[in-house]
């Protein structure tokens, strides 16, 4: 079975965090780890967005608009998840599909616990190579191919204790999984979750004209001589909040918080141009009693 290549979406998300650092909602959001995790060419559109300097060249403009859009999304999404993380058990934190996440380095609240990053092997090799630019205690890297590997066994081998409460961060991954994959993953997490554990899950809501939006994004990318991230990494599932809460409940998790990302953005009083994109993103917090 061929190995899944390193995620391009992870780079785009990291660019959004880098573009927002110190500029958008600076009293609530900061991510100084994002820029060091990017390569030189990936930093160029970040600088354009930070300067508010939209390029005239069409190819560059498409890159600029993509980073500008993801920047708006990343600030409220990150704030909602970080707040839920700080309020949960911190002795063990597992970040699923970690991509270029910098929480293990940037959040002082995690310094006293064990942080595990789970991701596909190719993405994790790429992350470890990039993370040499960061200082501080790195997480325990746990390479997992969900098609063939056992999550519980891989985590246990890395030192995770299923008898101690865990906070699970599942951000920006659910849309890329089929409904069956989502259910199987929740079941695997439940099997590793002692009472008192917390799951923070981000997912996308079903909305009209979703397929049309993807087609437009692909057409814009092609017009600029680029390939859309959605071509190689397509969305495979969207969830209504009630459907996700029902799924989590079947596996022993009770939803205690349910936030729409647009509502979080409005509470931060940040400017928002892409309201529909933010309104499609949801964060639920579910605890295991």
C-alpha atoms as a PDB file:
ATOM      1  CA  UNK A   1       0.000   0.000   0.000  1.00  0.00           C
ATOM      2  CA  UNK A   2       1.589   3.349  -1.047  1.00  0.00           C
ATOM      3  CA  UNK A   3       2.384   5.789   1.748  1.00  0.00           C
ATOM      4  CA  UNK A   4       0.168   8.865   2.077  1.00  0.00           C
ATOM      5  CA  UNK A   5       2.286  11.950   1.246  1.00  0.00           C
ATOM      6  CA  UNK A   6       2.856  14.806   3.682  1.00  0.00           C
ATOM      7  CA  UNK A   7      -0.160  17.084   4.076  1.00  0.00           C
ATOM      8  CA  UNK A   8      -0.293  20.333   2.089  1.00  0.00           C
ATOM      9  CA  UNK A   9      -3.263  21.498   4.155  1.00  0.00           C
ATOM     10  CA  UNK A  10      -1.020  21.478   7.229  1.00  0.00           C
ATOM     11  CA  UNK A  11       1.232  24.048   5.546  1.00  0.00           C
ATOM     12  CA  UNK A  12      -1.714  26.312   4.678  1.00  0.00           C
ATOM     13  CA  UNK A  13      -3.001  26.159   8.262  1.00  0.00           C
ATOM     14  CA  UNK A  14       0.460  27.008   9.580  1.00  0.00           C
ATOM     15  CA  UNK A  15       0.657  29.950   7.168  1.00  0.00           C
ATOM     16  CA  UNK A  16      -2.616  31.260   8.574  1.00  0.00           C
ATOM     17  CA  UNK A  17      -1.340  31.108  12.124  1.00  0.00           C
ATOM     18  CA  UNK A  18       1.914  32.799  11.130  1.00  0.00           C
ATOM     19  CA  UNK A  19       0.060  35.590   9.321  1.00  0.00           C
ATOM     20  CA  UNK A  20      -2.131  36.281  12.362  1.00  0.00           C
ATOM     21  CA  UNK A  21       0.547  36.118  15.065  1.00  0.00           C
ATOM     22  CA  UNK A  22       0.705  39.418  16.939  1.00  0.00           C
ATOM     23  CA  UNK A  23      -1.734  41.144  14.559  1.00  0.00           C
ATOM     24  CA  UNK A  24      -5.228  39.690  15.038  1.00  0.00           C
ATOM     25  CA  UNK A  25      -6.758  39.536  18.531  1.00  0.00           C
ATOM     26  CA  UNK A  26      -3.249  39.761  20.043  1.00  0.00           C
ATOM     27  CA  UNK A  27      -4.641  39.683  23.586  1.00  0.00           C
ATOM     28  CA  UNK A  28      -6.145  36.232  22.916  1.00  0.00           C
ATOM     29  CA  UNK A  29      -4.148  34.700  20.064  1.00  0.00           C
ATOM     30  CA  UNK A  30      -0.434  34.194  19.525  1.00  0.00           C
ATOM     31  CA  UNK A  31       1.578  31.545  17.714  1.00  0.00           C
ATOM     32  CA  UNK A  32       5.289  32.360  17.519  1.00  0.00           C
ATOM     33  CA  UNK A  33       6.012  28.764  16.480  1.00  0.00           C
ATOM     34  CA  UNK A  34       4.199  29.026  13.135  1.00  0.00           C
ATOM     35  CA  UNK A  35       6.675  31.081  11.115  1.00  0.00           C
ATOM     36  CA  UNK A  36       9.745  28.994  12.080  1.00  0.00           C
ATOM     37  CA  UNK A  37       7.883  25.854  10.921  1.00  0.00           C
ATOM     38  CA  UNK A  38       7.519  27.272   7.396  1.00  0.00           C
ATOM     39  CA  UNK A  39      10.077  27.064   4.620  1.00  0.00           C
ATOM     40  CA  UNK A  40      11.342  30.214   2.913  1.00  0.00           C
ATOM     41  CA  UNK A  41       8.985  30.049  -0.090  1.00  0.00           C
ATOM     42  CA  UNK A  42       6.007  29.342   2.192  1.00  0.00           C
ATOM     43  CA  UNK A  43       6.724  32.527   4.151  1.00  0.00           C
ATOM     44  CA  UNK A  44       6.358  34.802   1.123  1.00  0.00           C
ATOM     45  CA  UNK A  45       2.502  34.929   1.009  1.00  0.00           C
ATOM     46  CA  UNK A  46       2.505  35.193   4.812  1.00  0.00           C
ATOM     47  CA  UNK A  47       4.498  38.429   4.538  1.00  0.00           C
ATOM     48  CA  UNK A  48       2.068  39.744   1.896  1.00  0.00           C
ATOM     49  CA  UNK A  49      -0.917  39.098   4.169  1.00  0.00           C
ATOM     50  CA  UNK A  50       0.759  40.590   7.225  1.00  0.00           C
ATOM     51  CA  UNK A  51       1.607  43.723   5.221  1.00  0.00           C
ATOM     52  CA  UNK A  52      -1.846  43.888   3.642  1.00  0.00           C
ATOM     53  CA  UNK A  53      -0.107  44.081   0.265  1.00  0.00           C
ATOM     54  CA  UNK A  54      -2.165  42.123  -2.267  1.00  0.00           C
ATOM     55  CA  UNK A  55       0.058  41.303  -5.283  1.00  0.00           C
ATOM     56  CA  UNK A  56      -1.007  42.351  -8.777  1.00  0.00           C
ATOM     57  CA  UNK A  57       0.315  39.183 -10.393  1.00  0.00           C
ATOM     58  CA  UNK A  58      -2.583  36.719 -10.704  1.00  0.00           C
ATOM     59  CA  UNK A  59      -0.661  33.641  -9.554  1.00  0.00           C
ATOM     60  CA  UNK A  60       0.650  35.476  -6.498  1.00  0.00           C
ATOM     61  CA  UNK A  61      -2.782  36.967  -5.822  1.00  0.00           C
ATOM     62  CA  UNK A  62      -4.394  33.522  -5.639  1.00  0.00           C
ATOM     63  CA  UNK A  63      -1.776  32.449  -3.071  1.00  0.00           C
ATOM     64  CA  UNK A  64      -2.348  35.664  -1.120  1.00  0.00           C
ATOM     65  CA  UNK A  65      -6.129  35.212  -0.981  1.00  0.00           C
ATOM     66  CA  UNK A  66      -5.785  31.595   0.166  1.00  0.00           C
ATOM     67  CA  UNK A  67      -3.578  32.549   3.097  1.00  0.00           C
ATOM     68  CA  UNK A  68      -5.738  35.584   3.941  1.00  0.00           C
ATOM     69  CA  UNK A  69      -8.850  33.389   4.130  1.00  0.00           C
ATOM     70  CA  UNK A  70      -7.280  30.705   6.307  1.00  0.00           C
ATOM     71  CA  UNK A  71      -5.850  33.399   8.604  1.00  0.00           C
ATOM     72  CA  UNK A  72      -9.358  34.551   9.541  1.00  0.00           C
ATOM     73  CA  UNK A  73     -10.375  30.977  10.328  1.00  0.00           C
ATOM     74  CA  UNK A  74      -7.340  30.000  12.359  1.00  0.00           C
ATOM     75  CA  UNK A  75      -7.570  32.740  14.983  1.00  0.00           C
ATOM     76  CA  UNK A  76     -11.029  31.927  16.443  1.00  0.00           C
ATOM     77  CA  UNK A  77     -10.626  28.179  15.893  1.00  0.00           C
ATOM     78  CA  UNK A  78      -7.325  28.170  17.771  1.00  0.00           C
ATOM     79  CA  UNK A  79      -8.683  30.336  20.598  1.00  0.00           C
ATOM     80  CA  UNK A  80     -11.698  28.044  21.115  1.00  0.00           C
ATOM     81  CA  UNK A  81      -9.553  24.902  21.184  1.00  0.00           C
ATOM     82  CA  UNK A  82      -6.821  26.389  23.379  1.00  0.00           C
ATOM     83  CA  UNK A  83      -9.393  27.553  25.946  1.00  0.00           C
ATOM     84  CA  UNK A  84     -10.932  24.073  26.081  1.00  0.00           C
ATOM     85  CA  UNK A  85      -7.501  22.498  26.355  1.00  0.00           C
ATOM     86  CA  UNK A  86      -6.464  24.688  29.280  1.00  0.00           C
ATOM     87  CA  UNK A  87      -9.658  23.742  31.145  1.00  0.00           C
ATOM     88  CA  UNK A  88      -9.143  20.002  30.679  1.00  0.00           C
ATOM     89  CA  UNK A  89      -6.750  17.456  32.185  1.00  0.00           C
ATOM     90  CA  UNK A  90      -3.198  18.390  31.202  1.00  0.00           C
ATOM     91  CA  UNK A  91      -1.176  15.432  32.485  1.00  0.00           C
ATOM     92  CA  UNK A  92      -1.638  13.753  29.081  1.00  0.00           C
ATOM     93  CA  UNK A  93      -2.477  15.576  25.846  1.00  0.00           C
ATOM     94  CA  UNK A  94      -2.776  13.842  22.489  1.00  0.00           C
ATOM     95  CA  UNK A  95      -2.946  15.903  19.286  1.00  0.00           C
ATOM     96  CA  UNK A  96      -4.437  13.850  16.460  1.00  0.00           C
ATOM     97  CA  UNK A  97      -3.440  14.649  12.897  1.00  0.00           C
ATOM     98  CA  UNK A  98      -1.072  17.214  14.387  1.00  0.00           C
ATOM     99  CA  UNK A  99       0.316  18.566  11.122  1.00  0.00           C
ATOM    100  CA  UNK A 100       2.443  21.637  11.908  1.00  0.00           C
ATOM    101  CA  UNK A 101       0.792  22.290  15.277  1.00  0.00           C
ATOM    102  CA  UNK A 102       3.039  24.194  17.701  1.00  0.00           C
ATOM    103  CA  UNK A 103       1.106  23.763  20.960  1.00  0.00           C
ATOM    104  CA  UNK A 104       3.713  21.539  22.615  1.00  0.00           C
ATOM    105  CA  UNK A 105       6.256  24.341  22.270  1.00  0.00           C
ATOM    106  CA  UNK A 106       4.111  27.466  22.661  1.00  0.00           C
ATOM    107  CA  UNK A 107       1.733  26.619  25.546  1.00  0.00           C
ATOM    108  CA  UNK A 108       3.402  26.843  28.961  1.00  0.00           C
ATOM    109  CA  UNK A 109       0.436  24.986  30.493  1.00  0.00           C
ATOM    110  CA  UNK A 110       1.652  21.803  28.785  1.00  0.00           C
ATOM    111  CA  UNK A 111       5.188  21.940  30.164  1.00  0.00           C
ATOM    112  CA  UNK A 112       4.446  19.710  33.150  1.00  0.00           C
ATOM    113  CA  UNK A 113       2.633  16.950  31.271  1.00  0.00           C
ATOM    114  CA  UNK A 114       3.177  14.519  28.433  1.00  0.00           C
ATOM    115  CA  UNK A 115       2.243  15.665  24.920  1.00  0.00           C
ATOM    116  CA  UNK A 116       1.848  13.130  22.115  1.00  0.00           C
ATOM    117  CA  UNK A 117       1.500  14.063  18.450  1.00  0.00           C
ATOM    118  CA  UNK A 118      -0.160  11.469  16.217  1.00  0.00           C
ATOM    119  CA  UNK A 119       0.093  11.784  12.457  1.00  0.00           C
ATOM    120  CA  UNK A 120       0.746   9.824   9.295  1.00  0.00           C
ATOM    121  CA  UNK A 121       4.438   8.901   8.891  1.00  0.00           C
ATOM    122  CA  UNK A 122       5.238  11.191   5.925  1.00  0.00           C
ATOM    123  CA  UNK A 123       3.683  14.256   7.565  1.00  0.00           C
ATOM    124  CA  UNK A 124       5.461  13.482  10.810  1.00  0.00           C
ATOM    125  CA  UNK A 125       8.862  13.163   9.129  1.00  0.00           C
ATOM    126  CA  UNK A 126       8.266  16.532   7.494  1.00  0.00           C
ATOM    127  CA  UNK A 127       7.231  18.044  10.834  1.00  0.00           C
ATOM    128  CA  UNK A 128      10.290  16.732  12.670  1.00  0.00           C
ATOM    129  CA  UNK A 129      12.574  18.161  10.019  1.00  0.00           C
ATOM    130  CA  UNK A 130      10.925  21.571  10.261  1.00  0.00           C
ATOM    131  CA  UNK A 131      10.748  21.552  14.074  1.00  0.00           C
ATOM    132  CA  UNK A 132      14.528  21.670  14.431  1.00  0.00           C
ATOM    133  CA  UNK A 133      14.038  25.452  14.235  1.00  0.00           C
ATOM    134  CA  UNK A 134      12.037  25.432  17.503  1.00  0.00           C
ATOM    135  CA  UNK A 135      13.414  25.487  21.029  1.00  0.00           C
ATOM    136  CA  UNK A 136      11.896  23.832  24.076  1.00  0.00           C
ATOM    137  CA  UNK A 137      10.588  20.374  24.887  1.00  0.00           C
ATOM    138  CA  UNK A 138       9.274  18.553  21.853  1.00  0.00           C
ATOM    139  CA  UNK A 139       6.256  16.229  22.020  1.00  0.00           C
ATOM    140  CA  UNK A 140       6.464  12.469  21.712  1.00  0.00           C
ATOM    141  CA  UNK A 141       5.987  11.777  18.003  1.00  0.00           C
ATOM    142  CA  UNK A 142       3.730   8.804  17.286  1.00  0.00           C
ATOM    143  CA  UNK A 143       3.587   7.881  13.577  1.00  0.00           C
ATOM    144  CA  UNK A 144       0.306   6.137  12.805  1.00  0.00           C
ATOM    145  CA  UNK A 145      -1.148   5.036   9.498  1.00  0.00           C
ATOM    146  CA  UNK A 146      -4.812   4.729  10.436  1.00  0.00           C
ATOM    147  CA  UNK A 147      -5.341   2.320   7.542  1.00  0.00           C
ATOM    148  CA  UNK A 148      -3.018  -0.302   9.039  1.00  0.00           C
ATOM    149  CA  UNK A 149      -1.861   0.670  12.551  1.00  0.00           C
ATOM    150  CA  UNK A 150      -3.495   0.252  15.947  1.00  0.00           C
ATOM    151  CA  UNK A 151      -3.770   3.670  17.638  1.00  0.00           C
ATOM    152  CA  UNK A 152      -4.005   2.289  21.173  1.00  0.00           C
ATOM    153  CA  UNK A 153      -0.959   0.078  20.756  1.00  0.00           C
ATOM    154  CA  UNK A 154       1.087   2.846  19.114  1.00  0.00           C
ATOM    155  CA  UNK A 155       0.264   5.318  21.889  1.00  0.00           C
ATOM    156  CA  UNK A 156       1.008   2.791  24.621  1.00  0.00           C
ATOM    157  CA  UNK A 157       4.402   2.104  23.075  1.00  0.00           C
ATOM    158  CA  UNK A 158       5.127   5.843  23.221  1.00  0.00           C
ATOM    159  CA  UNK A 159       4.268   6.004  26.944  1.00  0.00           C
ATOM    160  CA  UNK A 160       0.593   6.997  26.941  1.00  0.00           C
ATOM    161  CA  UNK A 161      -1.313   5.603  29.941  1.00  0.00           C
ATOM    162  CA  UNK A 162      -4.902   4.648  29.217  1.00  0.00           C
ATOM    163  CA  UNK A 163      -5.576   4.536  32.957  1.00  0.00           C
ATOM    164  CA  UNK A 164      -4.984   8.311  33.308  1.00  0.00           C
ATOM    165  CA  UNK A 165      -7.248  11.083  31.959  1.00  0.00           C
ATOM    166  CA  UNK A 166      -6.309  12.437  28.544  1.00  0.00           C
ATOM    167  CA  UNK A 167      -7.222  15.579  26.647  1.00  0.00           C
ATOM    168  CA  UNK A 168      -7.565  14.781  22.950  1.00  0.00           C
ATOM    169  CA  UNK A 169      -7.243  17.552  20.341  1.00  0.00           C
ATOM    170  CA  UNK A 170      -8.824  16.605  17.014  1.00  0.00           C
ATOM    171  CA  UNK A 171      -8.551  19.739  14.904  1.00  0.00           C
ATOM    172  CA  UNK A 172      -8.988  20.087  11.157  1.00  0.00           C
ATOM    173  CA  UNK A 173      -9.046  16.329  10.512  1.00  0.00           C
ATOM    174  CA  UNK A 174     -12.665  15.136  10.556  1.00  0.00           C
ATOM    175  CA  UNK A 175     -13.644  16.538   7.115  1.00  0.00           C
ATOM    176  CA  UNK A 176     -10.988  14.396   5.442  1.00  0.00           C
ATOM    177  CA  UNK A 177     -12.390  11.162   6.922  1.00  0.00           C
ATOM    178  CA  UNK A 178     -15.407   9.141   5.875  1.00  0.00           C
ATOM    179  CA  UNK A 179     -18.236   8.817   8.433  1.00  0.00           C
ATOM    180  CA  UNK A 180     -17.120   5.232   9.103  1.00  0.00           C
ATOM    181  CA  UNK A 181     -13.541   6.407   9.716  1.00  0.00           C
ATOM    182  CA  UNK A 182     -14.766   9.099  12.113  1.00  0.00           C
ATOM    183  CA  UNK A 183     -16.782   6.577  14.124  1.00  0.00           C
ATOM    184  CA  UNK A 184     -13.890   4.107  14.214  1.00  0.00           C
ATOM    185  CA  UNK A 185     -11.530   6.814  15.449  1.00  0.00           C
ATOM    186  CA  UNK A 186     -13.902   7.935  18.195  1.00  0.00           C
ATOM    187  CA  UNK A 187     -14.184   4.311  19.274  1.00  0.00           C
ATOM    188  CA  UNK A 188     -10.403   4.003  19.421  1.00  0.00           C
ATOM    189  CA  UNK A 189     -10.138   7.191  21.495  1.00  0.00           C
ATOM    190  CA  UNK A 190     -12.826   5.979  23.889  1.00  0.00           C
ATOM    191  CA  UNK A 191     -10.916   2.745  24.430  1.00  0.00           C
ATOM    192  CA  UNK A 192      -7.878   4.812  25.511  1.00  0.00           C
ATOM    193  CA  UNK A 193      -9.802   7.333  27.630  1.00  0.00           C
ATOM    194  CA  UNK A 194      -9.965   6.990  31.397  1.00  0.00           C
ATOM    195  CA  UNK A 195     -12.827   8.710  33.255  1.00  0.00           C
ATOM    196  CA  UNK A 196     -12.189  12.454  33.352  1.00  0.00           C
ATOM    197  CA  UNK A 197     -10.832  12.537  29.798  1.00  0.00           C
ATOM    198  CA  UNK A 198     -11.808  15.298  27.381  1.00  0.00           C
ATOM    199  CA  UNK A 199     -12.178  15.322  23.599  1.00  0.00           C
ATOM    200  CA  UNK A 200     -12.004  18.642  21.736  1.00  0.00           C
ATOM    201  CA  UNK A 201     -13.181  18.047  18.177  1.00  0.00           C
ATOM    202  CA  UNK A 202     -13.386  20.453  15.264  1.00  0.00           C
ATOM    203  CA  UNK A 203     -15.585  19.553  12.289  1.00  0.00           C
ATOM    204  CA  UNK A 204     -17.348  21.137   9.327  1.00  0.00           C
ATOM    205  CA  UNK A 205     -21.090  21.680   9.045  1.00  0.00           C
ATOM    206  CA  UNK A 206     -23.096  20.595   5.994  1.00  0.00           C
ATOM    207  CA  UNK A 207     -23.965  23.662   3.921  1.00  0.00           C
ATOM    208  CA  UNK A 208     -25.629  24.271   0.536  1.00  0.00           C
ATOM    209  CA  UNK A 209     -23.410  24.578  -2.543  1.00  0.00           C
ATOM    210  CA  UNK A 210     -20.417  22.945  -0.839  1.00  0.00           C
ATOM    211  CA  UNK A 211     -19.408  21.066  -3.987  1.00  0.00           C
ATOM    212  CA  UNK A 212     -19.686  24.255  -6.040  1.00  0.00           C
ATOM    213  CA  UNK A 213     -17.297  25.985  -3.651  1.00  0.00           C
ATOM    214  CA  UNK A 214     -14.705  23.257  -4.122  1.00  0.00           C
ATOM    215  CA  UNK A 215     -15.051  23.461  -7.905  1.00  0.00           C
ATOM    216  CA  UNK A 216     -14.498  27.215  -7.798  1.00  0.00           C
ATOM    217  CA  UNK A 217     -11.427  26.794  -5.564  1.00  0.00           C
ATOM    218  CA  UNK A 218      -9.954  24.230  -7.955  1.00  0.00           C
ATOM    219  CA  UNK A 219     -10.650  26.421 -10.976  1.00  0.00           C
ATOM    220  CA  UNK A 220      -8.931  29.401  -9.345  1.00  0.00           C
ATOM    221  CA  UNK A 221      -5.915  27.274  -8.460  1.00  0.00           C
ATOM    222  CA  UNK A 222      -5.653  25.946 -12.021  1.00  0.00           C
ATOM    223  CA  UNK A 223      -5.926  29.458 -13.453  1.00  0.00           C
ATOM    224  CA  UNK A 224      -2.854  30.379 -11.417  1.00  0.00           C
ATOM    225  CA  UNK A 225      -0.930  27.297 -12.525  1.00  0.00           C
ATOM    226  CA  UNK A 226      -1.336  25.612  -9.142  1.00  0.00           C
ATOM    227  CA  UNK A 227      -3.163  22.557  -7.852  1.00  0.00           C
ATOM    228  CA  UNK A 228      -5.831  22.968  -5.188  1.00  0.00           C
ATOM    229  CA  UNK A 229      -5.218  21.333  -1.811  1.00  0.00           C
ATOM    230  CA  UNK A 230      -8.726  19.877  -2.164  1.00  0.00           C
ATOM    231  CA  UNK A 231      -7.663  17.835  -5.187  1.00  0.00           C
ATOM    232  CA  UNK A 232      -5.289  15.632  -3.197  1.00  0.00           C
ATOM    233  CA  UNK A 233      -6.994  16.074   0.180  1.00  0.00           C
ATOM    234  CA  UNK A 234     -10.759  16.152  -0.486  1.00  0.00           C
ATOM    235  CA  UNK A 235     -13.437  16.490   2.166  1.00  0.00           C
ATOM    236  CA  UNK A 236     -15.237  13.215   2.820  1.00  0.00           C
ATOM    237  CA  UNK A 237     -17.715  14.086   5.587  1.00  0.00           C
ATOM    238  CA  UNK A 238     -19.590  16.969   7.187  1.00  0.00           C
ATOM    239  CA  UNK A 239     -21.565  16.786  10.421  1.00  0.00           C
ATOM    240  CA  UNK A 240     -24.487  18.543  12.041  1.00  0.00           C
ATOM    241  CA  UNK A 241     -23.752  19.328  15.715  1.00  0.00           C
ATOM    242  CA  UNK A 242     -26.529  16.987  16.860  1.00  0.00           C
ATOM    243  CA  UNK A 243     -25.128  14.140  14.747  1.00  0.00           C
ATOM    244  CA  UNK A 244     -21.644  14.594  16.161  1.00  0.00           C
ATOM    245  CA  UNK A 245     -22.975  14.803  19.722  1.00  0.00           C
ATOM    246  CA  UNK A 246     -24.933  11.583  19.162  1.00  0.00           C
ATOM    247  CA  UNK A 247     -21.838   9.825  17.828  1.00  0.00           C
ATOM    248  CA  UNK A 248     -19.739  10.956  20.786  1.00  0.00           C
ATOM    249  CA  UNK A 249     -22.491   9.894  23.189  1.00  0.00           C
ATOM    250  CA  UNK A 250     -22.476   6.357  21.786  1.00  0.00           C
ATOM    251  CA  UNK A 251     -18.868   6.123  22.895  1.00  0.00           C
ATOM    252  CA  UNK A 252     -19.279   7.551  26.384  1.00  0.00           C
ATOM    253  CA  UNK A 253     -18.511  11.232  25.739  1.00  0.00           C
ATOM    254  CA  UNK A 254     -20.972  13.956  26.773  1.00  0.00           C
ATOM    255  CA  UNK A 255     -20.833  17.277  24.921  1.00  0.00           C
ATOM    256  CA  UNK A 256     -20.345  20.092  27.419  1.00  0.00           C
ATOM    257  CA  UNK A 257     -19.531  22.939  25.023  1.00  0.00           C
ATOM    258  CA  UNK A 258     -20.616  23.571  21.439  1.00  0.00           C
ATOM    259  CA  UNK A 259     -19.252  26.654  19.656  1.00  0.00           C
ATOM    260  CA  UNK A 260     -19.529  27.960  16.136  1.00  0.00           C
ATOM    261  CA  UNK A 261     -16.250  29.500  14.994  1.00  0.00           C
ATOM    262  CA  UNK A 262     -17.958  32.588  13.579  1.00  0.00           C
ATOM    263  CA  UNK A 263     -19.478  33.258  17.016  1.00  0.00           C
ATOM    264  CA  UNK A 264     -16.003  33.001  18.543  1.00  0.00           C
ATOM    265  CA  UNK A 265     -14.638  35.439  15.956  1.00  0.00           C
ATOM    266  CA  UNK A 266     -17.379  37.939  16.768  1.00  0.00           C
ATOM    267  CA  UNK A 267     -16.637  37.653  20.477  1.00  0.00           C
ATOM    268  CA  UNK A 268     -13.005  38.524  19.657  1.00  0.00           C
ATOM    269  CA  UNK A 269     -14.219  41.592  17.699  1.00  0.00           C
ATOM    270  CA  UNK A 270     -11.913  40.711  14.830  1.00  0.00           C
ATOM    271  CA  UNK A 271     -12.623  41.762  11.236  1.00  0.00           C
ATOM    272  CA  UNK A 272     -14.154  38.964   9.166  1.00  0.00           C
ATOM    273  CA  UNK A 273     -14.487  38.911   5.371  1.00  0.00           C
ATOM    274  CA  UNK A 274     -15.172  35.194   4.921  1.00  0.00           C
ATOM    275  CA  UNK A 275     -18.165  34.791   7.224  1.00  0.00           C
ATOM    276  CA  UNK A 276     -19.532  31.690   5.497  1.00  0.00           C
ATOM    277  CA  UNK A 277     -16.265  29.796   5.881  1.00  0.00           C
ATOM    278  CA  UNK A 278     -16.117  30.545   9.600  1.00  0.00           C
ATOM    279  CA  UNK A 279     -19.796  29.735  10.131  1.00  0.00           C
ATOM    280  CA  UNK A 280     -19.211  26.290   8.638  1.00  0.00           C
ATOM    281  CA  UNK A 281     -16.629  25.369  11.296  1.00  0.00           C
ATOM    282  CA  UNK A 282     -17.692  23.985  14.696  1.00  0.00           C
ATOM    283  CA  UNK A 283     -15.828  23.080  17.893  1.00  0.00           C
ATOM    284  CA  UNK A 284     -17.337  20.674  20.413  1.00  0.00           C
ATOM    285  CA  UNK A 285     -15.932  19.753  23.790  1.00  0.00           C
ATOM    286  CA  UNK A 286     -16.981  16.379  25.152  1.00  0.00           C
ATOM    287  CA  UNK A 287     -16.076  14.911  28.541  1.00  0.00           C
ATOM    288  CA  UNK A 288     -15.987  11.298  29.673  1.00  0.00           C
ATOM    289  CA  UNK A 289     -17.430  10.755  33.123  1.00  0.00           C
END
